[in-house]
Amino acid sequence: MINRGSEKISCEEVEDLVYRYDSFDLAAAVAMLDPVFSERVCVYVSLKEGGPLGLERIAPPWSPPGWLSISTPSG
């Protein structure tokens, strides 16, 4: 679990969302220290085909119904 402010974020839920993309072989959501909210979501991924992939390319689909914006990885 990642503790962002007073919210608990499930690493497994974030990883499940990452796996909706066909370009990723592996994904691991972990906590990253944040000076304001204690922790933030950090996702490490392994690409299937290689090459660069920026957060801006995958950020728009990170808003499915019921998804908390604080659970979204930030750049």
Protein backbone atom coordinates (compact mmCIF):
# COMPACT_ATOMS: atom_id res chain seq x y z
CA MET A 1 0.00 0.00 0.00
CA ILE A 2 1.08 3.52 -0.76
CA ASN A 3 0.13 6.21 1.77
CA ARG A 4 -0.56 9.47 -0.10
CA GLY A 5 -1.78 11.98 2.43
CA SER A 6 -4.60 10.24 4.24
CA GLU A 7 -5.41 7.92 1.31
CA LYS A 8 -4.21 4.34 0.93
CA ILE A 9 -3.47 3.33 -2.67
CA SER A 10 -3.24 -0.29 -3.72
CA CYS A 11 -0.10 -1.09 -5.70
CA GLU A 12 -1.92 -4.04 -7.26
CA GLU A 13 -4.72 -1.82 -8.61
CA VAL A 14 -2.21 0.54 -10.22
CA GLU A 15 -0.29 -2.39 -11.75
CA ASP A 16 -3.53 -3.89 -13.09
CA LEU A 17 -4.25 -0.62 -14.87
CA VAL A 18 -0.75 -0.59 -16.40
CA TYR A 19 -1.30 -4.11 -17.76
CA ARG A 20 -4.24 -2.80 -19.83
CA TYR A 21 -1.55 -1.55 -22.23
CA ASP A 22 -0.14 -4.14 -24.60
CA SER A 23 3.28 -2.48 -24.63
CA PHE A 24 4.34 -3.57 -21.14
CA ASP A 25 5.90 -6.87 -20.11
CA LEU A 26 6.29 -6.07 -16.42
CA ALA A 27 5.06 -3.39 -14.04
CA ALA A 28 5.74 -2.60 -10.40
CA ALA A 29 4.00 0.19 -8.49
CA VAL A 30 5.92 1.38 -5.45
CA ALA A 31 5.92 4.26 -3.00
CA MET A 32 8.20 7.23 -3.65
CA LEU A 33 8.88 9.81 -0.95
CA ASP A 34 6.92 13.06 -1.31
CA PRO A 35 7.64 16.13 0.84
CA VAL A 36 3.97 17.20 0.92
CA PHE A 37 1.91 13.98 0.84
CA SER A 38 4.37 11.58 2.51
CA GLU A 39 4.40 9.22 -0.51
CA ARG A 40 3.49 9.27 -4.19
CA VAL A 41 2.86 6.54 -6.74
CA CYS A 42 5.88 5.48 -8.80
CA VAL A 43 5.55 2.83 -11.52
CA TYR A 44 8.47 0.96 -13.05
CA VAL A 45 7.72 -0.78 -16.36
CA SER A 46 9.47 -3.02 -18.82
CA LEU A 47 8.51 -2.45 -22.46
CA LYS A 48 7.81 -5.37 -24.78
CA GLU A 49 9.19 -3.73 -27.92
CA GLY A 50 11.68 -1.34 -26.33
CA GLY A 51 12.06 2.35 -27.01
CA PRO A 52 10.99 5.42 -25.06
CA LEU A 53 7.51 5.89 -23.66
CA GLY A 54 6.60 9.07 -21.79
CA LEU A 55 3.92 9.54 -19.14
CA GLU A 56 2.18 12.03 -21.45
CA ARG A 57 1.44 9.20 -23.89
CA ILE A 58 -0.32 7.03 -21.32
CA ALA A 59 -1.71 9.66 -18.92
CA PRO A 60 -5.13 10.29 -20.57
CA PRO A 61 -6.37 6.68 -20.14
CA TRP A 62 -5.44 6.83 -16.43
CA SER A 63 -8.89 8.17 -15.58
CA PRO A 64 -11.30 5.23 -15.69
CA PRO A 65 -14.61 5.62 -13.80
CA GLY A 66 -14.09 5.39 -10.06
CA TRP A 67 -10.32 5.94 -10.30
CA LEU A 68 -8.89 8.39 -7.76
CA SER A 69 -6.68 11.03 -9.32
CA ILE A 70 -4.24 10.73 -6.40
CA SER A 71 -3.57 7.15 -7.55
CA THR A 72 -2.28 8.36 -10.91
CA PRO A 73 1.51 8.34 -11.35
CA SER A 74 2.95 11.80 -11.97
CA GLY A 75 6.00 12.86 -13.90
